C-alpha cells in the first residue's frame, strides 16, 4: 500500500507549491498593479494556477530522496505512522473532492438546461458581432451569437462550443459594440477555460484556503484584464463605462 503515501505526498506537495506561487503572485502583483500592468498580473496568475496542477515539487523531492541527497533516503519511507496518516488523508480527500465535483456537475447541468432556450442572435446583430470579432483579431467562426430569455446580463459560456449570449431586449449600436467587445475579449483571452480549470483546482485542493482564493482571483482578474483591453478598443474608459452604466440603469423593456 505504498502508493497511498506517494499519492498523499504528491497532492500535499503540489498544493504547497501552488500556495507558494500564489503568495509570490500576491506580493509581486501589487507592484504590477501600481504600474498599470493589469494584463501582466493576470498572465502571472495563470502560472500560479499551473503550480496547483503540476507536481514539480513532488518529482524533485522524490528524485532527491531516491539518490539519498535529501532525507537520507527516508523522506518517503513506508513507516506505519506515515501509512496510516496517508490513508486517513486520502479518505478525507476523496470525500471532499467528490462533494466538490458533484457541486460543479450540478452547476454545469443547470447551465446546460438554460442553453436549451437559446435563439439565434439576429442578422443585424450578428453582422455587427462579426465586425467587432475581426477588429479584435478573431479568426474563424467558432464563436457564435445567441439570445435568451433566461439570462439577465450578457455573458459568454462554453469551452468546446463557445457562445456569446444576450438577454432579449432592444440594444443601441453603441451598447452592442461594448457588449461584443467585452465578451469577445473574454473568448480571446481563454477566460472560460481558465475559470473552469480554477474551479477544478479548487475541488482538488478543497482543503487549501489559497486554492479558494485563487479561484476568486481568477474570476476577478479576468474581468479586470478584459475591461482594460476593452477600454482601449472602445476608445477610452469614460466611454466604455458610461455605456455600461446606461445599460445597467435602463428600464427593462
C-alpha atoms as a PDB file:
ATOM      1  CA  UNK A   1       0.000   0.000   0.000  1.00  0.00           C
ATOM      2  CA  UNK A   2       2.960   2.303  -0.525  1.00  0.00           C
ATOM      3  CA  UNK A   3       1.047   4.059  -3.300  1.00  0.00           C
ATOM      4  CA  UNK A   4      -1.109   5.792  -0.677  1.00  0.00           C
ATOM      5  CA  UNK A   5       1.987   7.522   0.709  1.00  0.00           C
ATOM      6  CA  UNK A   6       3.130   8.501  -2.772  1.00  0.00           C
ATOM      7  CA  UNK A   7      -0.275   9.895  -3.752  1.00  0.00           C
ATOM      8  CA  UNK A   8      -0.771  11.753  -0.472  1.00  0.00           C
ATOM      9  CA  UNK A   9       2.659  13.350  -0.680  1.00  0.00           C
ATOM     10  CA  UNK A  10       2.067  14.263  -4.306  1.00  0.00           C
ATOM     11  CA  UNK A  11      -1.210  16.024  -3.523  1.00  0.00           C
ATOM     12  CA  UNK A  12       0.149  17.862  -0.485  1.00  0.00           C
ATOM     13  CA  UNK A  13       3.413  18.933  -2.117  1.00  0.00           C
ATOM     14  CA  UNK A  14       1.604  20.157  -5.223  1.00  0.00           C
ATOM     15  CA  UNK A  15      -0.787  22.137  -3.038  1.00  0.00           C
ATOM     16  CA  UNK A  16       2.152  23.652  -1.144  1.00  0.00           C
ATOM     17  CA  UNK A  17       3.876  24.568  -4.417  1.00  0.00           C
ATOM     18  CA  UNK A  18       0.746  26.310  -5.683  1.00  0.00           C
ATOM     19  CA  UNK A  19       0.441  28.145  -2.366  1.00  0.00           C
ATOM     20  CA  UNK A  20       3.999  29.459  -2.637  1.00  0.00           C
ATOM     21  CA  UNK A  21       3.304  30.608  -6.191  1.00  0.00           C
ATOM     22  CA  UNK A  22       0.149  32.352  -5.030  1.00  0.00           C
ATOM     23  CA  UNK A  23       1.938  34.217  -2.223  1.00  0.00           C
ATOM     24  CA  UNK A  24       4.615  35.350  -4.679  1.00  0.00           C
ATOM     25  CA  UNK A  25       1.920  36.490  -7.124  1.00  0.00           C
ATOM     26  CA  UNK A  26       0.103  38.411  -4.395  1.00  0.00           C
ATOM     27  CA  UNK A  27       3.248  40.256  -3.323  1.00  0.00           C
ATOM     28  CA  UNK A  28       4.683  40.884  -6.801  1.00  0.00           C
ATOM     29  CA  UNK A  29       1.264  41.673  -8.261  1.00  0.00           C
ATOM     30  CA  UNK A  30       0.881  44.801  -6.159  1.00  0.00           C
ATOM     31  CA  UNK A  31       3.801  46.388  -7.941  1.00  0.00           C
ATOM     32  CA  UNK A  32       2.447  45.356 -11.327  1.00  0.00           C
ATOM     33  CA  UNK A  33      -0.961  46.787 -10.471  1.00  0.00           C
ATOM     34  CA  UNK A  34       0.509  50.113  -9.354  1.00  0.00           C
ATOM     35  CA  UNK A  35       2.462  50.255 -12.611  1.00  0.00           C
ATOM     36  CA  UNK A  36      -0.770  49.772 -14.569  1.00  0.00           C
ATOM     37  CA  UNK A  37       0.251  46.319 -15.843  1.00  0.00           C
ATOM     38  CA  UNK A  38      -3.108  44.636 -15.317  1.00  0.00           C
ATOM     39  CA  UNK A  39      -2.679  42.120 -18.119  1.00  0.00           C
ATOM     40  CA  UNK A  40       0.791  41.174 -16.851  1.00  0.00           C
ATOM     41  CA  UNK A  41      -0.603  40.417 -13.407  1.00  0.00           C
ATOM     42  CA  UNK A  42      -3.363  38.324 -14.975  1.00  0.00           C
ATOM     43  CA  UNK A  43      -0.809  36.426 -17.085  1.00  0.00           C
ATOM     44  CA  UNK A  44       1.239  35.736 -13.950  1.00  0.00           C
ATOM     45  CA  UNK A  45      -1.899  34.399 -12.266  1.00  0.00           C
ATOM     46  CA  UNK A  46      -2.131  31.708 -14.953  1.00  0.00           C
ATOM     47  CA  UNK A  47       1.323  30.479 -13.904  1.00  0.00           C
ATOM     48  CA  UNK A  48       0.077  30.303 -10.324  1.00  0.00           C
ATOM     49  CA  UNK A  49      -2.763  28.040 -11.481  1.00  0.00           C
ATOM     50  CA  UNK A  50      -0.197  25.742 -13.089  1.00  0.00           C
ATOM     51  CA  UNK A  51       1.558  25.497  -9.710  1.00  0.00           C
ATOM     52  CA  UNK A  52      -1.564  23.877  -8.231  1.00  0.00           C
ATOM     53  CA  UNK A  53      -1.705  21.404 -11.112  1.00  0.00           C
ATOM     54  CA  UNK A  54       1.844  20.242 -11.883  1.00  0.00           C
ATOM     55  CA  UNK A  55       3.607  18.090  -9.203  1.00  0.00           C
ATOM     56  CA  UNK A  56       7.002  19.739  -9.729  1.00  0.00           C
ATOM     57  CA  UNK A  57       7.991  19.755  -6.040  1.00  0.00           C
ATOM     58  CA  UNK A  58       6.998  16.109  -5.602  1.00  0.00           C
ATOM     59  CA  UNK A  59       9.049  14.972  -8.604  1.00  0.00           C
ATOM     60  CA  UNK A  60      12.074  16.960  -7.417  1.00  0.00           C
ATOM     61  CA  UNK A  61      11.910  15.719  -3.821  1.00  0.00           C
ATOM     62  CA  UNK A  62      11.216  12.163  -4.918  1.00  0.00           C
ATOM     63  CA  UNK A  63      14.253  12.175  -7.162  1.00  0.00           C
ATOM     64  CA  UNK A  64      16.446  13.712  -4.468  1.00  0.00           C
ATOM     65  CA  UNK A  65      15.251  11.178  -1.905  1.00  0.00           C
ATOM     66  CA  UNK A  66      15.920   8.281  -4.269  1.00  0.00           C
ATOM     67  CA  UNK A  67      19.621   9.179  -4.534  1.00  0.00           C
ATOM     68  CA  UNK A  68      19.795   9.898  -0.762  1.00  0.00           C
ATOM     69  CA  UNK A  69      20.585  13.581  -1.294  1.00  0.00           C
ATOM     70  CA  UNK A  70      17.595  14.610   0.820  1.00  0.00           C
ATOM     71  CA  UNK A  71      16.288  12.990   3.978  1.00  0.00           C
ATOM     72  CA  UNK A  72      18.905  10.216   3.766  1.00  0.00           C
ATOM     73  CA  UNK A  73      16.524   8.275   1.543  1.00  0.00           C
ATOM     74  CA  UNK A  74      13.771   8.093   4.176  1.00  0.00           C
ATOM     75  CA  UNK A  75      11.683  11.098   3.116  1.00  0.00           C
ATOM     76  CA  UNK A  76       9.036   8.814   1.596  1.00  0.00           C
ATOM     77  CA  UNK A  77       9.734   5.829   3.836  1.00  0.00           C
ATOM     78  CA  UNK A  78       6.904   3.339   4.357  1.00  0.00           C
ATOM     79  CA  UNK A  79       6.561   3.651   8.121  1.00  0.00           C
ATOM     80  CA  UNK A  80       3.368   2.582   9.889  1.00  0.00           C
ATOM     81  CA  UNK A  81       2.578   6.114  11.102  1.00  0.00           C
ATOM     82  CA  UNK A  82       3.034   7.668   7.659  1.00  0.00           C
ATOM     83  CA  UNK A  83       0.989   4.899   6.035  1.00  0.00           C
ATOM     84  CA  UNK A  84      -1.885   5.389   8.486  1.00  0.00           C
ATOM     85  CA  UNK A  85      -1.823   9.169   8.068  1.00  0.00           C
ATOM     86  CA  UNK A  86      -1.822   8.851   4.273  1.00  0.00           C
ATOM     87  CA  UNK A  87      -4.831   6.509   4.355  1.00  0.00           C
ATOM     88  CA  UNK A  88      -6.798   8.914   6.544  1.00  0.00           C
ATOM     89  CA  UNK A  89      -5.838  11.874   4.348  1.00  0.00           C
ATOM     90  CA  UNK A  90      -6.825  10.083   1.137  1.00  0.00           C
ATOM     91  CA  UNK A  91     -10.186   9.049   2.594  1.00  0.00           C
ATOM     92  CA  UNK A  92     -10.971  12.649   3.565  1.00  0.00           C
ATOM     93  CA  UNK A  93      -9.623  13.922   0.231  1.00  0.00           C
ATOM     94  CA  UNK A  94     -11.771  11.557  -1.830  1.00  0.00           C
ATOM     95  CA  UNK A  95     -14.905  12.526   0.103  1.00  0.00           C
ATOM     96  CA  UNK A  96     -14.209  16.261  -0.099  1.00  0.00           C
ATOM     97  CA  UNK A  97     -13.221  16.169  -3.750  1.00  0.00           C
ATOM     98  CA  UNK A  98     -16.261  14.056  -4.596  1.00  0.00           C
ATOM     99  CA  UNK A  99     -18.610  16.532  -2.928  1.00  0.00           C
ATOM    100  CA  UNK A 100     -16.941  19.453  -4.720  1.00  0.00           C
ATOM    101  CA  UNK A 101     -17.154  17.708  -8.084  1.00  0.00           C
ATOM    102  CA  UNK A 102     -20.843  16.987  -7.548  1.00  0.00           C
ATOM    103  CA  UNK A 103     -21.433  20.702  -6.955  1.00  0.00           C
ATOM    104  CA  UNK A 104     -19.607  21.510 -10.194  1.00  0.00           C
ATOM    105  CA  UNK A 105     -21.600  18.933 -12.134  1.00  0.00           C
ATOM    106  CA  UNK A 106     -24.849  20.327 -10.738  1.00  0.00           C
ATOM    107  CA  UNK A 107     -23.851  23.860 -11.802  1.00  0.00           C
ATOM    108  CA  UNK A 108     -22.876  22.588 -15.265  1.00  0.00           C
ATOM    109  CA  UNK A 109     -26.222  20.783 -15.599  1.00  0.00           C
ATOM    110  CA  UNK A 110     -28.164  23.915 -14.661  1.00  0.00           C
ATOM    111  CA  UNK A 111     -26.210  25.885 -17.254  1.00  0.00           C
ATOM    112  CA  UNK A 112     -26.885  23.188 -19.837  1.00  0.00           C
ATOM    113  CA  UNK A 113     -30.634  23.419 -19.173  1.00  0.00           C
ATOM    114  CA  UNK A 114     -30.546  27.181 -19.714  1.00  0.00           C
ATOM    115  CA  UNK A 115     -28.787  26.667 -23.036  1.00  0.00           C
ATOM    116  CA  UNK A 116     -31.861  24.838 -24.369  1.00  0.00           C
ATOM    117  CA  UNK A 117     -33.727  28.147 -24.659  1.00  0.00           C
ATOM    118  CA  UNK A 118     -31.159  29.847 -26.891  1.00  0.00           C
ATOM    119  CA  UNK A 119     -32.302  31.630 -30.039  1.00  0.00           C
ATOM    120  CA  UNK A 120     -30.288  32.986 -32.985  1.00  0.00           C
ATOM    121  CA  UNK A 121     -28.832  36.434 -32.358  1.00  0.00           C
ATOM    122  CA  UNK A 122     -30.409  38.036 -35.425  1.00  0.00           C
ATOM    123  CA  UNK A 123     -28.912  39.090 -38.744  1.00  0.00           C
ATOM    124  CA  UNK A 124     -28.205  42.744 -37.929  1.00  0.00           C
ATOM    125  CA  UNK A 125     -26.683  41.990 -34.537  1.00  0.00           C
ATOM    126  CA  UNK A 126     -24.614  39.157 -35.961  1.00  0.00           C
ATOM    127  CA  UNK A 127     -23.178  41.405 -38.688  1.00  0.00           C
ATOM    128  CA  UNK A 128     -22.007  43.872 -36.048  1.00  0.00           C
ATOM    129  CA  UNK A 129     -20.740  40.971 -33.951  1.00  0.00           C
ATOM    130  CA  UNK A 130     -18.647  39.695 -36.880  1.00  0.00           C
ATOM    131  CA  UNK A 131     -17.155  43.149 -37.492  1.00  0.00           C
ATOM    132  CA  UNK A 132     -16.117  43.526 -33.839  1.00  0.00           C
ATOM    133  CA  UNK A 133     -14.750  39.982 -33.793  1.00  0.00           C
ATOM    134  CA  UNK A 134     -12.497  40.616 -36.784  1.00  0.00           C
ATOM    135  CA  UNK A 135     -11.389  44.015 -35.482  1.00  0.00           C
ATOM    136  CA  UNK A 136     -10.146  42.384 -32.272  1.00  0.00           C
ATOM    137  CA  UNK A 137      -8.095  39.832 -34.175  1.00  0.00           C
ATOM    138  CA  UNK A 138     -10.554  36.935 -34.074  1.00  0.00           C
ATOM    139  CA  UNK A 139     -10.162  34.149 -36.602  1.00  0.00           C
ATOM    140  CA  UNK A 140     -12.595  31.530 -37.830  1.00  0.00           C
ATOM    141  CA  UNK A 141     -16.273  31.193 -36.932  1.00  0.00           C
ATOM    142  CA  UNK A 142     -16.099  29.107 -33.779  1.00  0.00           C
ATOM    143  CA  UNK A 143     -17.605  31.787 -31.526  1.00  0.00           C
ATOM    144  CA  UNK A 144     -21.352  32.202 -32.106  1.00  0.00           C
ATOM    145  CA  UNK A 145     -24.046  34.666 -31.028  1.00  0.00           C
ATOM    146  CA  UNK A 146     -27.371  33.804 -29.371  1.00  0.00           C
ATOM    147  CA  UNK A 147     -30.201  35.426 -27.419  1.00  0.00           C
ATOM    148  CA  UNK A 148     -32.099  34.067 -24.424  1.00  0.00           C
ATOM    149  CA  UNK A 149     -34.940  34.974 -22.082  1.00  0.00           C
ATOM    150  CA  UNK A 150     -33.290  33.002 -19.250  1.00  0.00           C
ATOM    151  CA  UNK A 151     -30.370  35.333 -18.515  1.00  0.00           C
ATOM    152  CA  UNK A 152     -30.373  38.863 -17.132  1.00  0.00           C
ATOM    153  CA  UNK A 153     -26.967  40.082 -18.354  1.00  0.00           C
ATOM    154  CA  UNK A 154     -24.791  39.439 -21.426  1.00  0.00           C
ATOM    155  CA  UNK A 155     -22.320  36.618 -20.931  1.00  0.00           C
ATOM    156  CA  UNK A 156     -20.004  34.203 -22.681  1.00  0.00           C
ATOM    157  CA  UNK A 157     -20.112  30.499 -21.921  1.00  0.00           C
ATOM    158  CA  UNK A 158     -18.866  27.235 -23.300  1.00  0.00           C
ATOM    159  CA  UNK A 159     -15.370  25.870 -23.814  1.00  0.00           C
ATOM    160  CA  UNK A 160     -15.810  23.375 -26.643  1.00  0.00           C
ATOM    161  CA  UNK A 161     -18.679  25.355 -28.207  1.00  0.00           C
ATOM    162  CA  UNK A 162     -18.152  28.947 -27.078  1.00  0.00           C
ATOM    163  CA  UNK A 163     -21.039  31.339 -27.468  1.00  0.00           C
ATOM    164  CA  UNK A 164     -21.975  34.904 -26.557  1.00  0.00           C
ATOM    165  CA  UNK A 165     -25.492  35.166 -25.136  1.00  0.00           C
ATOM    166  CA  UNK A 166     -27.574  38.355 -24.988  1.00  0.00           C
ATOM    167  CA  UNK A 167     -30.713  38.867 -22.904  1.00  0.00           C
ATOM    168  CA  UNK A 168     -33.707  39.514 -25.136  1.00  0.00           C
ATOM    169  CA  UNK A 169     -34.200  43.307 -25.221  1.00  0.00           C
ATOM    170  CA  UNK A 170     -33.559  46.255 -27.508  1.00  0.00           C
ATOM    171  CA  UNK A 171     -29.968  47.429 -27.893  1.00  0.00           C
ATOM    172  CA  UNK A 172     -28.394  50.522 -29.356  1.00  0.00           C
ATOM    173  CA  UNK A 173     -25.411  50.060 -31.629  1.00  0.00           C
ATOM    174  CA  UNK A 174     -23.010  51.557 -29.099  1.00  0.00           C
ATOM    175  CA  UNK A 175     -24.330  49.140 -26.462  1.00  0.00           C
ATOM    176  CA  UNK A 176     -23.775  46.168 -28.733  1.00  0.00           C
ATOM    177  CA  UNK A 177     -20.314  47.481 -29.533  1.00  0.00           C
ATOM    178  CA  UNK A 178     -19.363  47.486 -25.847  1.00  0.00           C
ATOM    179  CA  UNK A 179     -21.015  44.141 -25.076  1.00  0.00           C
ATOM    180  CA  UNK A 180     -19.481  42.367 -28.049  1.00  0.00           C
ATOM    181  CA  UNK A 181     -16.042  43.833 -27.361  1.00  0.00           C
ATOM    182  CA  UNK A 182     -16.127  42.728 -23.731  1.00  0.00           C
ATOM    183  CA  UNK A 183     -17.358  39.189 -24.366  1.00  0.00           C
ATOM    184  CA  UNK A 184     -15.147  38.575 -27.405  1.00  0.00           C
ATOM    185  CA  UNK A 185     -12.085  39.623 -25.410  1.00  0.00           C
ATOM    186  CA  UNK A 186     -13.054  37.078 -22.769  1.00  0.00           C
ATOM    187  CA  UNK A 187     -13.048  34.478 -25.537  1.00  0.00           C
ATOM    188  CA  UNK A 188      -9.712  35.591 -26.988  1.00  0.00           C
ATOM    189  CA  UNK A 189      -8.112  35.513 -23.530  1.00  0.00           C
ATOM    190  CA  UNK A 190      -9.335  31.954 -22.953  1.00  0.00           C
ATOM    191  CA  UNK A 191     -11.119  33.030 -19.770  1.00  0.00           C
ATOM    192  CA  UNK A 192     -13.805  30.345 -19.797  1.00  0.00           C
ATOM    193  CA  UNK A 193     -11.256  27.531 -19.888  1.00  0.00           C
ATOM    194  CA  UNK A 194      -9.188  29.220 -17.190  1.00  0.00           C
ATOM    195  CA  UNK A 195     -12.228  29.653 -14.930  1.00  0.00           C
ATOM    196  CA  UNK A 196     -13.187  26.001 -15.242  1.00  0.00           C
ATOM    197  CA  UNK A 197      -9.596  24.963 -14.532  1.00  0.00           C
ATOM    198  CA  UNK A 198      -9.654  27.153 -11.417  1.00  0.00           C
ATOM    199  CA  UNK A 199     -12.899  25.510 -10.283  1.00  0.00           C
ATOM    200  CA  UNK A 200     -11.408  22.046 -10.798  1.00  0.00           C
ATOM    201  CA  UNK A 201      -8.272  23.046  -8.890  1.00  0.00           C
ATOM    202  CA  UNK A 202     -10.453  24.300  -6.049  1.00  0.00           C
ATOM    203  CA  UNK A 203     -12.178  20.911  -5.987  1.00  0.00           C
ATOM    204  CA  UNK A 204      -8.865  19.024  -5.982  1.00  0.00           C
ATOM    205  CA  UNK A 205      -7.342  21.239  -3.275  1.00  0.00           C
ATOM    206  CA  UNK A 206     -10.520  21.935  -1.313  1.00  0.00           C
ATOM    207  CA  UNK A 207      -8.538  21.667   1.940  1.00  0.00           C
ATOM    208  CA  UNK A 208      -6.269  24.586   0.951  1.00  0.00           C
ATOM    209  CA  UNK A 209      -7.725  28.100   1.557  1.00  0.00           C
ATOM    210  CA  UNK A 210      -5.330  29.567  -1.009  1.00  0.00           C
ATOM    211  CA  UNK A 211      -6.871  27.385  -3.724  1.00  0.00           C
ATOM    212  CA  UNK A 212     -10.230  29.002  -2.941  1.00  0.00           C
ATOM    213  CA  UNK A 213      -8.592  32.427  -3.062  1.00  0.00           C
ATOM    214  CA  UNK A 214      -7.003  31.535  -6.415  1.00  0.00           C
ATOM    215  CA  UNK A 215     -10.424  30.693  -7.856  1.00  0.00           C
ATOM    216  CA  UNK A 216     -11.810  34.019  -6.654  1.00  0.00           C
ATOM    217  CA  UNK A 217      -8.852  35.965  -8.055  1.00  0.00           C
ATOM    218  CA  UNK A 218      -9.153  34.255 -11.442  1.00  0.00           C
ATOM    219  CA  UNK A 219     -12.767  35.411 -11.633  1.00  0.00           C
ATOM    220  CA  UNK A 220     -11.852  38.941 -10.581  1.00  0.00           C
ATOM    221  CA  UNK A 221      -8.708  39.495 -12.640  1.00  0.00           C
ATOM    222  CA  UNK A 222     -10.133  38.010 -15.806  1.00  0.00           C
ATOM    223  CA  UNK A 223     -12.697  40.827 -15.633  1.00  0.00           C
ATOM    224  CA  UNK A 224     -10.057  43.462 -14.854  1.00  0.00           C
ATOM    225  CA  UNK A 225      -7.837  42.360 -17.733  1.00  0.00           C
ATOM    226  CA  UNK A 226     -10.831  42.221 -20.071  1.00  0.00           C
ATOM    227  CA  UNK A 227     -12.006  45.722 -19.062  1.00  0.00           C
ATOM    228  CA  UNK A 228      -8.519  47.163 -19.521  1.00  0.00           C
ATOM    229  CA  UNK A 229      -8.246  45.775 -23.043  1.00  0.00           C
ATOM    230  CA  UNK A 230     -11.832  46.681 -23.919  1.00  0.00           C
ATOM    231  CA  UNK A 231     -11.326  50.296 -22.839  1.00  0.00           C
ATOM    232  CA  UNK A 232      -8.506  50.671 -25.334  1.00  0.00           C
ATOM    233  CA  UNK A 233     -10.552  49.014 -28.091  1.00  0.00           C
ATOM    234  CA  UNK A 234     -13.631  51.168 -27.452  1.00  0.00           C
ATOM    235  CA  UNK A 235     -11.775  54.468 -27.232  1.00  0.00           C
ATOM    236  CA  UNK A 236     -11.341  55.166 -23.547  1.00  0.00           C
ATOM    237  CA  UNK A 237     -12.566  54.145 -20.123  1.00  0.00           C
ATOM    238  CA  UNK A 238     -15.053  57.012 -19.874  1.00  0.00           C
ATOM    239  CA  UNK A 239     -16.986  55.974 -22.969  1.00  0.00           C
ATOM    240  CA  UNK A 240     -16.777  52.296 -22.113  1.00  0.00           C
ATOM    241  CA  UNK A 241     -18.093  52.549 -18.561  1.00  0.00           C
ATOM    242  CA  UNK A 242     -20.649  55.206 -19.470  1.00  0.00           C
ATOM    243  CA  UNK A 243     -22.343  52.806 -21.871  1.00  0.00           C
ATOM    244  CA  UNK A 244     -22.236  50.052 -19.238  1.00  0.00           C
ATOM    245  CA  UNK A 245     -23.794  52.387 -16.664  1.00  0.00           C
ATOM    246  CA  UNK A 246     -26.523  53.418 -19.112  1.00  0.00           C
ATOM    247  CA  UNK A 247     -27.365  49.773 -19.775  1.00  0.00           C
ATOM    248  CA  UNK A 248     -27.498  48.967 -16.064  1.00  0.00           C
ATOM    249  CA  UNK A 249     -29.829  51.896 -15.346  1.00  0.00           C
ATOM    250  CA  UNK A 250     -32.043  51.428 -18.399  1.00  0.00           C
ATOM    251  CA  UNK A 251     -35.580  50.170 -17.629  1.00  0.00           C
ATOM    252  CA  UNK A 252     -36.363  46.609 -18.656  1.00  0.00           C
ATOM    253  CA  UNK A 253     -38.495  46.562 -21.807  1.00  0.00           C
END
